Structures are given as structure tokens and as C-alpha cells.
């Protein structure tokens, strides 16, 4: 009998299961809404609720405890600065699990887990920021086509000039040796 045993094993060993929950918690805190399977979402709920509740106690012990789960100072600061202020008047119930149909491949029930009163702009913000930075770098690295054409013509002209210089130097080298060969053939 499984009396007084809570949680699911999710077909994983303890270390793998804890790593999964920590990664899901990181994603949920960053994006404030994620989609996963229903059992994972149900197991993630108390995990994240404990993290957010610890964020309301702004002391060193709580920060270290949250850091032990998240392993990222940026996320720890978000929990203590943003989420703690947002949920200051709420006594628990910081997350919401919504069923979202079934997965196409194996018909596993899916769910959306989100923070209550979430910031809608937070979802995908890191990806949007990364894409904008890549575009800026590409724009800086782009060279106008006119300059490229000018550079190509300059390179061709330099190659032609170098070729002419090489040909002249070869002719000079060949002329004294050809004279010597002609003298030897006459003798």
C-alpha cells in the first residue's frame, strides 16, 4: 500500500527527477508559462510554490536555499525582487495548471503551467532579445555591395599588376641565360 507517499516517480531515478524539476522550475520562472505533460506539471507545482514562498522571506538563508534549486543568480534575484513583490498579498496558490489536450506522438495529456498574474511579455523574452542582438551583429558585419565590388576590382587589378611584374622579371632572368646558351652552342 502507498499510504502517505506523495509525488510521482515519472519513470526516472531520484537524481534525474530532481534535475528535471529544477530545469522545469527555471523555465517557468524565466518564461512564467510553459507547456509540459500533465503529471510533470502537477509535480512541478509544489516545487515552484516552495521556491516562490521562500522568496517572500528576503534573508540570506532563503536566498541560499533558492539558489540551491535554481543555480542562477539572475533567477534568484527575479524570485526575490519581482515575484516576491507580486505575490506579497497572496498566501499560496502562485501557479495554475491548465489542461491543453493530448500530445500528437503518444497521446500523453499535456498541460500549461503558469504563474498567476504573470507578466505576458516575459514569455520568450530571452529568445527575442537574443534574436535582436544577432540582427544587430549581422547589420554591423554587413558590408555594402558597392564596397565589395570595388574591393573585387581592386584585387583583380593588383593581381594583373603583380602578374605583369612577374612576367617582366622572368624575361630579364631568361635573357642572360639564353645569351649564354647561344654562346655555348656557337662554340
C-alpha atoms as a PDB file:
ATOM      1  CA  UNK A   1       0.000   0.000   0.000  1.00  0.00           C
ATOM      2  CA  UNK A   2       1.202   3.525  -0.836  1.00  0.00           C
ATOM      3  CA  UNK A   3      -0.130   5.325   2.203  1.00  0.00           C
ATOM      4  CA  UNK A   4       1.429   8.737   2.891  1.00  0.00           C
ATOM      5  CA  UNK A   5       3.620   8.621  -0.213  1.00  0.00           C
ATOM      6  CA  UNK A   6       3.263  11.735  -2.333  1.00  0.00           C
ATOM      7  CA  UNK A   7       4.609  12.642  -5.725  1.00  0.00           C
ATOM      8  CA  UNK A   8       5.321  10.643  -8.838  1.00  0.00           C
ATOM      9  CA  UNK A   9       8.463   8.881  -9.927  1.00  0.00           C
ATOM     10  CA  UNK A  10       7.951   9.810 -13.600  1.00  0.00           C
ATOM     11  CA  UNK A  11       9.971   6.720 -14.666  1.00  0.00           C
ATOM     12  CA  UNK A  12      13.191   8.397 -13.508  1.00  0.00           C
ATOM     13  CA  UNK A  13      15.708   7.885 -10.755  1.00  0.00           C
ATOM     14  CA  UNK A  14      15.790  10.440  -7.969  1.00  0.00           C
ATOM     15  CA  UNK A  15      18.702  12.484  -9.327  1.00  0.00           C
ATOM     16  CA  UNK A  16      17.212  12.603 -12.817  1.00  0.00           C
ATOM     17  CA  UNK A  17      13.786  13.530 -11.438  1.00  0.00           C
ATOM     18  CA  UNK A  18      15.248  16.342  -9.321  1.00  0.00           C
ATOM     19  CA  UNK A  19      17.219  17.664 -12.304  1.00  0.00           C
ATOM     20  CA  UNK A  20      14.036  17.593 -14.391  1.00  0.00           C
ATOM     21  CA  UNK A  21      12.074  19.534 -11.774  1.00  0.00           C
ATOM     22  CA  UNK A  22      14.869  22.085 -11.359  1.00  0.00           C
ATOM     23  CA  UNK A  23      15.070  22.660 -15.123  1.00  0.00           C
ATOM     24  CA  UNK A  24      11.290  22.966 -15.418  1.00  0.00           C
ATOM     25  CA  UNK A  25      11.279  25.402 -12.487  1.00  0.00           C
ATOM     26  CA  UNK A  26      13.971  27.518 -14.161  1.00  0.00           C
ATOM     27  CA  UNK A  27      11.985  27.621 -17.392  1.00  0.00           C
ATOM     28  CA  UNK A  28       8.791  28.505 -15.555  1.00  0.00           C
ATOM     29  CA  UNK A  29      10.427  31.352 -13.642  1.00  0.00           C
ATOM     30  CA  UNK A  30      12.062  32.728 -16.799  1.00  0.00           C
ATOM     31  CA  UNK A  31       9.029  32.488 -19.121  1.00  0.00           C
ATOM     32  CA  UNK A  32       6.273  32.470 -16.475  1.00  0.00           C
ATOM     33  CA  UNK A  33       4.356  29.964 -18.609  1.00  0.00           C
ATOM     34  CA  UNK A  34       5.448  26.594 -20.029  1.00  0.00           C
ATOM     35  CA  UNK A  35       3.790  23.586 -21.613  1.00  0.00           C
ATOM     36  CA  UNK A  36       4.643  20.074 -20.447  1.00  0.00           C
ATOM     37  CA  UNK A  37       2.882  16.821 -19.657  1.00  0.00           C
ATOM     38  CA  UNK A  38       0.165  16.833 -17.026  1.00  0.00           C
ATOM     39  CA  UNK A  39       1.972  14.628 -14.455  1.00  0.00           C
ATOM     40  CA  UNK A  40       5.132  16.752 -14.712  1.00  0.00           C
ATOM     41  CA  UNK A  41       3.085  19.928 -14.286  1.00  0.00           C
ATOM     42  CA  UNK A  42       1.325  18.529 -11.232  1.00  0.00           C
ATOM     43  CA  UNK A  43       4.666  17.576  -9.661  1.00  0.00           C
ATOM     44  CA  UNK A  44       6.216  20.913 -10.571  1.00  0.00           C
ATOM     45  CA  UNK A  45       3.503  22.943  -8.850  1.00  0.00           C
ATOM     46  CA  UNK A  46       4.558  22.355  -5.201  1.00  0.00           C
ATOM     47  CA  UNK A  47       8.234  22.604  -6.174  1.00  0.00           C
ATOM     48  CA  UNK A  48       7.787  26.105  -7.618  1.00  0.00           C
ATOM     49  CA  UNK A  49       5.367  27.200  -4.908  1.00  0.00           C
ATOM     50  CA  UNK A  50       8.002  26.467  -2.254  1.00  0.00           C
ATOM     51  CA  UNK A  51      10.571  28.487  -4.201  1.00  0.00           C
ATOM     52  CA  UNK A  52       8.248  31.488  -4.553  1.00  0.00           C
ATOM     53  CA  UNK A  53       7.189  31.255  -0.908  1.00  0.00           C
ATOM     54  CA  UNK A  54      10.873  31.252   0.142  1.00  0.00           C
ATOM     55  CA  UNK A  55      11.290  34.371  -1.986  1.00  0.00           C
ATOM     56  CA  UNK A  56       8.884  36.234   0.271  1.00  0.00           C
ATOM     57  CA  UNK A  57      11.341  35.815   3.184  1.00  0.00           C
ATOM     58  CA  UNK A  58      14.147  38.046   1.990  1.00  0.00           C
ATOM     59  CA  UNK A  59      17.068  36.805   4.072  1.00  0.00           C
ATOM     60  CA  UNK A  60      20.379  35.107   3.386  1.00  0.00           C
ATOM     61  CA  UNK A  61      19.203  31.612   4.262  1.00  0.00           C
ATOM     62  CA  UNK A  62      16.228  31.865   1.893  1.00  0.00           C
ATOM     63  CA  UNK A  63      18.422  33.194  -0.914  1.00  0.00           C
ATOM     64  CA  UNK A  64      20.875  30.331  -0.498  1.00  0.00           C
ATOM     65  CA  UNK A  65      18.043  27.795  -0.385  1.00  0.00           C
ATOM     66  CA  UNK A  66      16.516  29.156  -3.606  1.00  0.00           C
ATOM     67  CA  UNK A  67      19.971  29.290  -5.209  1.00  0.00           C
ATOM     68  CA  UNK A  68      20.456  25.604  -4.387  1.00  0.00           C
ATOM     69  CA  UNK A  69      17.416  24.844  -6.567  1.00  0.00           C
ATOM     70  CA  UNK A  70      17.911  27.338  -9.394  1.00  0.00           C
ATOM     71  CA  UNK A  71      21.739  27.685  -9.552  1.00  0.00           C
ATOM     72  CA  UNK A  72      21.418  31.078 -11.255  1.00  0.00           C
ATOM     73  CA  UNK A  73      21.739  34.442  -9.514  1.00  0.00           C
ATOM     74  CA  UNK A  74      19.642  36.241 -12.126  1.00  0.00           C
ATOM     75  CA  UNK A  75      16.712  33.925 -11.440  1.00  0.00           C
ATOM     76  CA  UNK A  76      17.230  34.205  -7.675  1.00  0.00           C
ATOM     77  CA  UNK A  77      17.067  37.987  -7.984  1.00  0.00           C
ATOM     78  CA  UNK A  78      13.885  37.683 -10.048  1.00  0.00           C
ATOM     79  CA  UNK A  79      12.285  35.482  -7.382  1.00  0.00           C
ATOM     80  CA  UNK A  80      13.186  37.845  -4.545  1.00  0.00           C
ATOM     81  CA  UNK A  81      12.669  41.174  -6.319  1.00  0.00           C
ATOM     82  CA  UNK A  82       9.877  40.651  -8.858  1.00  0.00           C
ATOM     83  CA  UNK A  83       7.866  37.605  -7.814  1.00  0.00           C
ATOM     84  CA  UNK A  84       8.008  38.294  -4.062  1.00  0.00           C
ATOM     85  CA  UNK A  85       6.565  41.780  -4.588  1.00  0.00           C
ATOM     86  CA  UNK A  86       3.942  40.474  -6.991  1.00  0.00           C
ATOM     87  CA  UNK A  87       2.711  37.825  -4.540  1.00  0.00           C
ATOM     88  CA  UNK A  88       3.198  39.752  -1.292  1.00  0.00           C
ATOM     89  CA  UNK A  89      -0.541  39.710  -0.501  1.00  0.00           C
ATOM     90  CA  UNK A  90      -1.189  36.166  -1.771  1.00  0.00           C
ATOM     91  CA  UNK A  91      -0.963  33.251   0.652  1.00  0.00           C
ATOM     92  CA  UNK A  92      -0.040  30.374  -1.655  1.00  0.00           C
ATOM     93  CA  UNK A  93      -1.528  29.343  -4.974  1.00  0.00           C
ATOM     94  CA  UNK A  94       1.124  31.058  -7.090  1.00  0.00           C
ATOM     95  CA  UNK A  95       0.781  28.662 -10.039  1.00  0.00           C
ATOM     96  CA  UNK A  96      -2.054  27.431 -12.221  1.00  0.00           C
ATOM     97  CA  UNK A  97      -2.228  24.177 -14.207  1.00  0.00           C
ATOM     98  CA  UNK A  98      -4.436  24.147 -17.309  1.00  0.00           C
ATOM     99  CA  UNK A  99      -5.019  21.045 -19.404  1.00  0.00           C
ATOM    100  CA  UNK A 100      -4.161  21.615 -23.050  1.00  0.00           C
ATOM    101  CA  UNK A 101      -5.116  18.465 -24.928  1.00  0.00           C
ATOM    102  CA  UNK A 102      -3.047  15.462 -25.875  1.00  0.00           C
ATOM    103  CA  UNK A 103       0.388  15.152 -27.458  1.00  0.00           C
ATOM    104  CA  UNK A 104       0.349  14.047 -31.078  1.00  0.00           C
ATOM    105  CA  UNK A 105       3.036  11.346 -30.907  1.00  0.00           C
ATOM    106  CA  UNK A 106       1.988   9.293 -27.892  1.00  0.00           C
ATOM    107  CA  UNK A 107      -1.321  10.852 -26.807  1.00  0.00           C
ATOM    108  CA  UNK A 108       0.156  11.927 -23.459  1.00  0.00           C
ATOM    109  CA  UNK A 109      -2.015  14.509 -21.705  1.00  0.00           C
ATOM    110  CA  UNK A 110      -0.426  17.957 -21.944  1.00  0.00           C
ATOM    111  CA  UNK A 111      -0.808  20.864 -19.564  1.00  0.00           C
ATOM    112  CA  UNK A 112       0.163  24.507 -19.380  1.00  0.00           C
ATOM    113  CA  UNK A 113       1.566  25.577 -16.043  1.00  0.00           C
ATOM    114  CA  UNK A 114       1.816  29.300 -15.449  1.00  0.00           C
ATOM    115  CA  UNK A 115       2.335  31.783 -12.682  1.00  0.00           C
ATOM    116  CA  UNK A 116      -0.841  33.518 -11.562  1.00  0.00           C
ATOM    117  CA  UNK A 117      -0.920  37.208 -12.561  1.00  0.00           C
ATOM    118  CA  UNK A 118       2.002  36.545 -14.862  1.00  0.00           C
ATOM    119  CA  UNK A 119       3.843  39.093 -16.990  1.00  0.00           C
ATOM    120  CA  UNK A 120       2.718  38.340 -20.543  1.00  0.00           C
ATOM    121  CA  UNK A 121       5.808  39.942 -22.084  1.00  0.00           C
ATOM    122  CA  UNK A 122       8.130  37.620 -20.113  1.00  0.00           C
ATOM    123  CA  UNK A 123       7.303  34.596 -22.276  1.00  0.00           C
ATOM    124  CA  UNK A 124      10.028  34.253 -24.892  1.00  0.00           C
ATOM    125  CA  UNK A 125      11.719  37.496 -23.856  1.00  0.00           C
ATOM    126  CA  UNK A 126      15.174  35.907 -23.730  1.00  0.00           C
ATOM    127  CA  UNK A 127      14.748  34.487 -27.241  1.00  0.00           C
ATOM    128  CA  UNK A 128      13.529  37.821 -28.612  1.00  0.00           C
ATOM    129  CA  UNK A 129      16.486  39.600 -27.037  1.00  0.00           C
ATOM    130  CA  UNK A 130      18.939  37.037 -28.463  1.00  0.00           C
ATOM    131  CA  UNK A 131      17.457  37.394 -31.971  1.00  0.00           C
ATOM    132  CA  UNK A 132      17.685  41.198 -31.787  1.00  0.00           C
ATOM    133  CA  UNK A 133      21.349  41.006 -30.765  1.00  0.00           C
ATOM    134  CA  UNK A 134      22.096  38.634 -33.654  1.00  0.00           C
ATOM    135  CA  UNK A 135      20.423  41.036 -36.102  1.00  0.00           C
ATOM    136  CA  UNK A 136      22.485  43.926 -34.748  1.00  0.00           C
ATOM    137  CA  UNK A 137      25.690  41.917 -35.166  1.00  0.00           C
ATOM    138  CA  UNK A 138      24.750  40.937 -38.706  1.00  0.00           C
ATOM    139  CA  UNK A 139      23.982  44.559 -39.597  1.00  0.00           C
ATOM    140  CA  UNK A 140      27.351  45.660 -38.222  1.00  0.00           C
ATOM    141  CA  UNK A 141      29.158  42.921 -40.127  1.00  0.00           C
ATOM    142  CA  UNK A 142      27.375  43.557 -43.414  1.00  0.00           C
ATOM    143  CA  UNK A 143      29.456  45.408 -45.966  1.00  0.00           C
ATOM    144  CA  UNK A 144      27.650  47.439 -48.629  1.00  0.00           C
ATOM    145  CA  UNK A 145      27.679  45.712 -52.016  1.00  0.00           C
ATOM    146  CA  UNK A 146      29.320  48.734 -53.721  1.00  0.00           C
ATOM    147  CA  UNK A 147      32.342  48.373 -51.468  1.00  0.00           C
ATOM    148  CA  UNK A 148      32.518  44.662 -52.189  1.00  0.00           C
ATOM    149  CA  UNK A 149      32.523  45.257 -55.946  1.00  0.00           C
ATOM    150  CA  UNK A 150      35.186  47.948 -55.601  1.00  0.00           C
ATOM    151  CA  UNK A 151      37.282  45.643 -53.461  1.00  0.00           C
ATOM    152  CA  UNK A 152      36.955  42.824 -56.002  1.00  0.00           C
ATOM    153  CA  UNK A 153      38.011  45.080 -58.885  1.00  0.00           C
ATOM    154  CA  UNK A 154      40.931  46.391 -56.852  1.00  0.00           C
ATOM    155  CA  UNK A 155      42.022  42.843 -56.080  1.00  0.00           C
ATOM    156  CA  UNK A 156      41.823  41.891 -59.778  1.00  0.00           C
ATOM    157  CA  UNK A 157      43.853  44.965 -60.756  1.00  0.00           C
ATOM    158  CA  UNK A 158      46.507  44.152 -58.170  1.00  0.00           C
ATOM    159  CA  UNK A 159      46.684  40.565 -59.434  1.00  0.00           C
ATOM    160  CA  UNK A 160      47.128  41.798 -63.028  1.00  0.00           C
ATOM    161  CA  UNK A 161      49.853  44.219 -61.988  1.00  0.00           C
ATOM    162  CA  UNK A 162      51.637  41.518 -59.997  1.00  0.00           C
ATOM    163  CA  UNK A 163      51.411  39.168 -62.960  1.00  0.00           C
ATOM    164  CA  UNK A 164      52.935  41.773 -65.268  1.00  0.00           C
ATOM    165  CA  UNK A 165      55.763  42.400 -62.822  1.00  0.00           C
ATOM    166  CA  UNK A 166      56.415  38.660 -62.529  1.00  0.00           C
ATOM    167  CA  UNK A 167      56.453  38.268 -66.320  1.00  0.00           C
ATOM    168  CA  UNK A 168      58.958  41.114 -66.721  1.00  0.00           C
ATOM    169  CA  UNK A 169      61.235  39.687 -64.059  1.00  0.00           C
ATOM    170  CA  UNK A 170      61.092  36.252 -65.734  1.00  0.00           C
ATOM    171  CA  UNK A 171      62.020  37.798 -69.092  1.00  0.00           C
ATOM    172  CA  UNK A 172      65.005  39.503 -67.539  1.00  0.00           C
ATOM    173  CA  UNK A 173      66.115  36.266 -65.952  1.00  0.00           C
ATOM    174  CA  UNK A 174      65.678  34.350 -69.168  1.00  0.00           C
ATOM    175  CA  UNK A 175      67.505  36.821 -71.389  1.00  0.00           C
ATOM    176  CA  UNK A 176      71.017  36.475 -69.819  1.00  0.00           C
ATOM    177  CA  UNK A 177      70.752  32.715 -69.642  1.00  0.00           C
ATOM    178  CA  UNK A 178      69.545  32.479 -73.216  1.00  0.00           C
ATOM    179  CA  UNK A 179      72.539  34.561 -74.321  1.00  0.00           C
ATOM    180  CA  UNK A 180      74.916  32.194 -72.542  1.00  0.00           C
ATOM    181  CA  UNK A 181      73.251  29.176 -74.127  1.00  0.00           C
ATOM    182  CA  UNK A 182      73.558  30.737 -77.566  1.00  0.00           C
ATOM    183  CA  UNK A 183      77.279  31.418 -76.993  1.00  0.00           C
ATOM    184  CA  UNK A 184      77.818  27.832 -75.852  1.00  0.00           C
ATOM    185  CA  UNK A 185      76.023  26.481 -78.876  1.00  0.00           C
ATOM    186  CA  UNK A 186      78.207  28.598 -81.215  1.00  0.00           C
ATOM    187  CA  UNK A 187      81.393  27.309 -79.676  1.00  0.00           C
END
